[in-house]
């Protein structure tokens, strides 16, 4: 997967990381509640309890902060470690873990609100939509693509096109329930229903690509 947005640790870094996280949390809250245009760097600084100079010292502009907030949200449920394939890892368990994390992510209140926000902005600012896609969905897609490529090379699966297979996997996890949730015609799957949905999706995927 691409390099993380978070900087490496160094002298005095813990305090800086705490401020950075506060800024990210404030940005996520305001972007979702006020929209992108309605969220100023001044308001984000006030929400985070830091100066505007501190916000700019961590993020050069609002677009960079928006992209970092999207990436931070994805990494909460899908940390990079989930996309690592160890030699003795059962591929079914690896895919189940990714499927569960992705299912929780896309059905969270924050993700649903952000998705609706991006759809509303789609016809107004293609640059912002591209930043959203690159920071979130594309990073996750490429993470699974690389894992599936490794699984193919290790003989765990037979996948001629890992990118296409990764896209199919996430579409299976989304299913019709997520679309109904996005348009306000259904509830998010939870508990046993969510677990069974993920297991069924992974089962279909494995039957298509098992070695």
Protein backbone atom coordinates (compact mmCIF):
# COMPACT_ATOMS: atom_id res chain seq x y z
CA UNK A 1 0.00 0.00 0.00
CA UNK A 2 1.17 3.63 -0.41
CA UNK A 3 3.08 5.35 2.36
CA UNK A 4 1.10 6.45 5.39
CA UNK A 5 0.12 10.07 5.85
CA UNK A 6 1.35 10.03 9.44
CA UNK A 7 4.98 11.19 9.80
CA UNK A 8 7.66 9.03 11.44
CA UNK A 9 8.31 9.35 15.15
CA UNK A 10 11.02 11.69 16.38
CA UNK A 11 11.99 13.95 19.28
CA UNK A 12 8.90 15.64 20.70
CA UNK A 13 6.68 13.71 18.31
CA UNK A 14 4.12 12.25 20.80
CA UNK A 15 2.75 15.72 21.56
CA UNK A 16 2.66 16.55 17.84
CA UNK A 17 0.84 13.31 17.06
CA UNK A 18 -1.77 14.06 19.71
CA UNK A 19 -2.44 17.46 18.13
CA UNK A 20 -2.48 15.93 14.65
CA UNK A 21 -5.06 13.36 15.74
CA UNK A 22 -7.18 16.07 17.35
CA UNK A 23 -7.09 18.03 14.09
CA UNK A 24 -8.10 14.95 12.09
CA UNK A 25 -11.02 14.20 14.41
CA UNK A 26 -12.18 17.82 14.25
CA UNK A 27 -11.89 17.83 10.47
CA UNK A 28 -13.91 14.63 10.11
CA UNK A 29 -16.66 16.00 12.34
CA UNK A 30 -16.90 19.36 10.58
CA UNK A 31 -16.63 18.03 7.03
CA UNK A 32 -19.53 15.68 7.72
CA UNK A 33 -21.68 18.19 9.61
CA UNK A 34 -20.91 21.39 7.67
CA UNK A 35 -19.77 20.04 4.31
CA UNK A 36 -16.44 20.77 2.68
CA UNK A 37 -17.13 24.40 1.76
CA UNK A 38 -18.72 25.10 5.15
CA UNK A 39 -15.66 23.91 7.09
CA UNK A 40 -12.94 26.54 7.38
CA UNK A 41 -9.45 25.95 8.71
CA UNK A 42 -10.28 28.46 11.48
CA UNK A 43 -13.29 26.39 12.54
CA UNK A 44 -11.30 23.15 12.43
CA UNK A 45 -8.56 24.71 14.57
CA UNK A 46 -11.12 25.90 17.12
CA UNK A 47 -12.81 22.48 17.21
CA UNK A 48 -9.45 20.78 17.73
CA UNK A 49 -8.37 23.25 20.43
CA UNK A 50 -5.22 24.32 18.56
CA UNK A 51 -4.11 27.41 16.67
CA UNK A 52 -4.66 27.80 12.94
CA UNK A 53 -0.88 27.92 12.56
CA UNK A 54 -0.69 24.45 14.13
CA UNK A 55 -3.24 23.14 11.64
CA UNK A 56 -1.22 24.50 8.74
CA UNK A 57 2.00 23.12 10.21
CA UNK A 58 0.54 19.62 9.98
CA UNK A 59 -1.53 20.05 6.81
CA UNK A 60 -0.54 22.55 4.15
CA UNK A 61 -4.12 23.32 3.04
CA UNK A 62 -7.73 22.22 3.45
CA UNK A 63 -7.58 19.77 0.55
CA UNK A 64 -4.61 17.97 2.13
CA UNK A 65 -6.44 17.85 5.45
CA UNK A 66 -9.56 16.44 3.78
CA UNK A 67 -7.57 13.66 2.12
CA UNK A 68 -5.83 12.84 5.41
CA UNK A 69 -9.17 12.69 7.24
CA UNK A 70 -10.53 10.23 4.66
CA UNK A 71 -7.41 8.07 4.92
CA UNK A 72 -7.56 8.17 8.72
CA UNK A 73 -11.16 6.92 8.66
CA UNK A 74 -10.25 4.01 6.40
CA UNK A 75 -7.27 3.02 8.53
CA UNK A 76 -9.45 2.84 11.64
CA UNK A 77 -11.21 -0.25 10.26
CA UNK A 78 -8.66 -1.42 7.69
CA UNK A 79 -5.14 -0.96 9.05
CA UNK A 80 -2.33 -1.89 6.69
CA UNK A 81 -1.53 -5.00 8.72
CA UNK A 82 -4.79 -6.57 7.52
CA UNK A 83 -3.37 -6.65 3.98
CA UNK A 84 -0.23 -8.58 4.91
CA UNK A 85 -0.15 -12.25 3.93
CA UNK A 86 2.05 -14.46 6.09
CA UNK A 87 3.21 -17.83 4.81
CA UNK A 88 1.03 -19.87 7.15
CA UNK A 89 -2.03 -17.60 7.13
CA UNK A 90 -5.23 -19.37 5.90
CA UNK A 91 -6.43 -17.23 3.01
CA UNK A 92 -10.06 -17.63 4.08
CA UNK A 93 -9.34 -16.12 7.49
CA UNK A 94 -7.38 -13.25 5.95
CA UNK A 95 -10.27 -12.43 3.61
CA UNK A 96 -12.82 -12.75 6.40
CA UNK A 97 -10.89 -10.22 8.50
CA UNK A 98 -10.68 -7.78 5.59
CA UNK A 99 -14.35 -8.34 4.74
CA UNK A 100 -15.47 -7.69 8.32
CA UNK A 101 -13.39 -4.52 8.59
CA UNK A 102 -14.62 -3.22 5.23
CA UNK A 103 -18.23 -4.03 6.06
CA UNK A 104 -18.05 -2.08 9.33
CA UNK A 105 -16.32 0.81 7.56
CA UNK A 106 -18.80 1.28 4.71
CA UNK A 107 -21.83 0.97 6.98
CA UNK A 108 -20.59 3.38 9.68
CA UNK A 109 -22.50 6.63 10.10
CA UNK A 110 -19.38 8.64 9.19
CA UNK A 111 -18.76 6.72 5.97
CA UNK A 112 -22.38 6.90 4.87
CA UNK A 113 -22.46 10.66 5.50
CA UNK A 114 -19.15 11.13 3.67
CA UNK A 115 -20.32 9.06 0.71
CA UNK A 116 -23.49 11.13 0.44
CA UNK A 117 -21.41 14.32 0.68
CA UNK A 118 -19.13 13.23 -2.17
CA UNK A 119 -22.09 12.31 -4.37
CA UNK A 120 -23.58 15.77 -3.77
CA UNK A 121 -20.25 17.37 -4.77
CA UNK A 122 -19.61 15.13 -7.77
CA UNK A 123 -20.93 17.60 -10.33
CA UNK A 124 -19.26 20.60 -8.69
CA UNK A 125 -15.66 19.69 -7.91
CA UNK A 126 -14.11 16.70 -9.67
CA UNK A 127 -10.74 17.47 -8.05
CA UNK A 128 -12.16 16.96 -4.56
CA UNK A 129 -13.88 13.74 -5.63
CA UNK A 130 -10.58 12.46 -7.03
CA UNK A 131 -8.80 13.31 -3.77
CA UNK A 132 -11.44 11.41 -1.83
CA UNK A 133 -11.12 8.38 -4.10
CA UNK A 134 -7.32 8.35 -4.00
CA UNK A 135 -7.13 8.74 -0.21
CA UNK A 136 -9.78 6.15 0.65
CA UNK A 137 -11.30 3.69 -1.81
CA UNK A 138 -8.29 3.44 -4.12
CA UNK A 139 -5.82 2.82 -1.28
CA UNK A 140 -8.01 0.03 0.08
CA UNK A 141 -8.48 -1.45 -3.40
CA UNK A 142 -4.74 -1.46 -4.11
CA UNK A 143 -4.03 -2.97 -0.70
CA UNK A 144 -6.23 -5.97 -1.50
CA UNK A 145 -4.90 -6.13 -5.06
CA UNK A 146 -1.36 -6.60 -3.75
CA UNK A 147 -2.48 -9.20 -1.21
CA UNK A 148 -4.31 -11.18 -3.91
CA UNK A 149 -1.25 -11.00 -6.16
CA UNK A 150 0.83 -12.49 -3.33
CA UNK A 151 -1.81 -15.17 -2.71
CA UNK A 152 -1.67 -16.10 -6.40
CA UNK A 153 2.13 -16.30 -6.36
CA UNK A 154 2.03 -18.43 -3.20
CA UNK A 155 -0.45 -20.84 -4.77
CA UNK A 156 -3.18 -20.06 -2.25
CA UNK A 157 -5.48 -18.73 -4.99
CA UNK A 158 -5.50 -18.58 -8.80
CA UNK A 159 -6.12 -14.99 -9.81
CA UNK A 160 -5.12 -13.82 -13.31
CA UNK A 161 -6.22 -10.22 -12.67
CA UNK A 162 -5.76 -9.23 -8.98
CA UNK A 163 -7.12 -5.70 -9.46
CA UNK A 164 -10.36 -6.92 -11.03
CA UNK A 165 -10.69 -9.61 -8.34
CA UNK A 166 -10.16 -7.03 -5.57
CA UNK A 167 -12.92 -4.88 -7.05
CA UNK A 168 -15.23 -7.90 -7.22
CA UNK A 169 -14.48 -8.79 -3.59
CA UNK A 170 -15.45 -5.38 -2.27
CA UNK A 171 -18.59 -5.31 -4.42
CA UNK A 172 -19.63 -8.63 -2.90
CA UNK A 173 -19.10 -7.26 0.61
CA UNK A 174 -21.11 -4.11 -0.17
CA UNK A 175 -24.06 -6.00 -1.61
CA UNK A 176 -27.50 -4.50 -2.07
CA UNK A 177 -27.89 -3.73 1.63
CA UNK A 178 -25.25 -0.99 1.54
CA UNK A 179 -26.91 0.69 -1.44
CA UNK A 180 -30.26 0.65 0.34
CA UNK A 181 -28.58 2.18 3.39
CA UNK A 182 -27.03 4.97 1.32
CA UNK A 183 -30.36 6.02 -0.18
CA UNK A 184 -32.21 5.75 3.12
CA UNK A 185 -34.24 2.65 2.27
CA UNK A 186 -32.72 0.24 4.77
CA UNK A 187 -30.71 -0.28 7.92
CA UNK A 188 -27.07 -1.31 8.28
CA UNK A 189 -26.55 -5.04 8.72
CA UNK A 190 -25.37 -5.86 12.22
CA UNK A 191 -24.56 -8.83 14.43
CA UNK A 192 -25.24 -12.27 13.03
CA UNK A 193 -26.72 -10.88 9.82
CA UNK A 194 -23.55 -8.92 9.08
CA UNK A 195 -21.31 -11.88 9.90
CA UNK A 196 -23.32 -14.24 7.69
CA UNK A 197 -23.26 -11.75 4.82
CA UNK A 198 -19.47 -11.44 5.00
CA UNK A 199 -19.02 -15.22 5.23
CA UNK A 200 -21.30 -15.77 2.23
CA UNK A 201 -19.43 -13.14 0.19
CA UNK A 202 -16.03 -14.63 1.04
CA UNK A 203 -17.37 -18.10 0.22
CA UNK A 204 -18.51 -16.99 -3.25
CA UNK A 205 -15.16 -15.30 -3.86
CA UNK A 206 -13.16 -18.38 -2.83
CA UNK A 207 -15.24 -20.70 -4.99
CA UNK A 208 -14.36 -18.50 -7.97
CA UNK A 209 -10.63 -18.22 -7.29
CA UNK A 210 -9.58 -21.16 -5.13
CA UNK A 211 -6.41 -22.88 -6.35
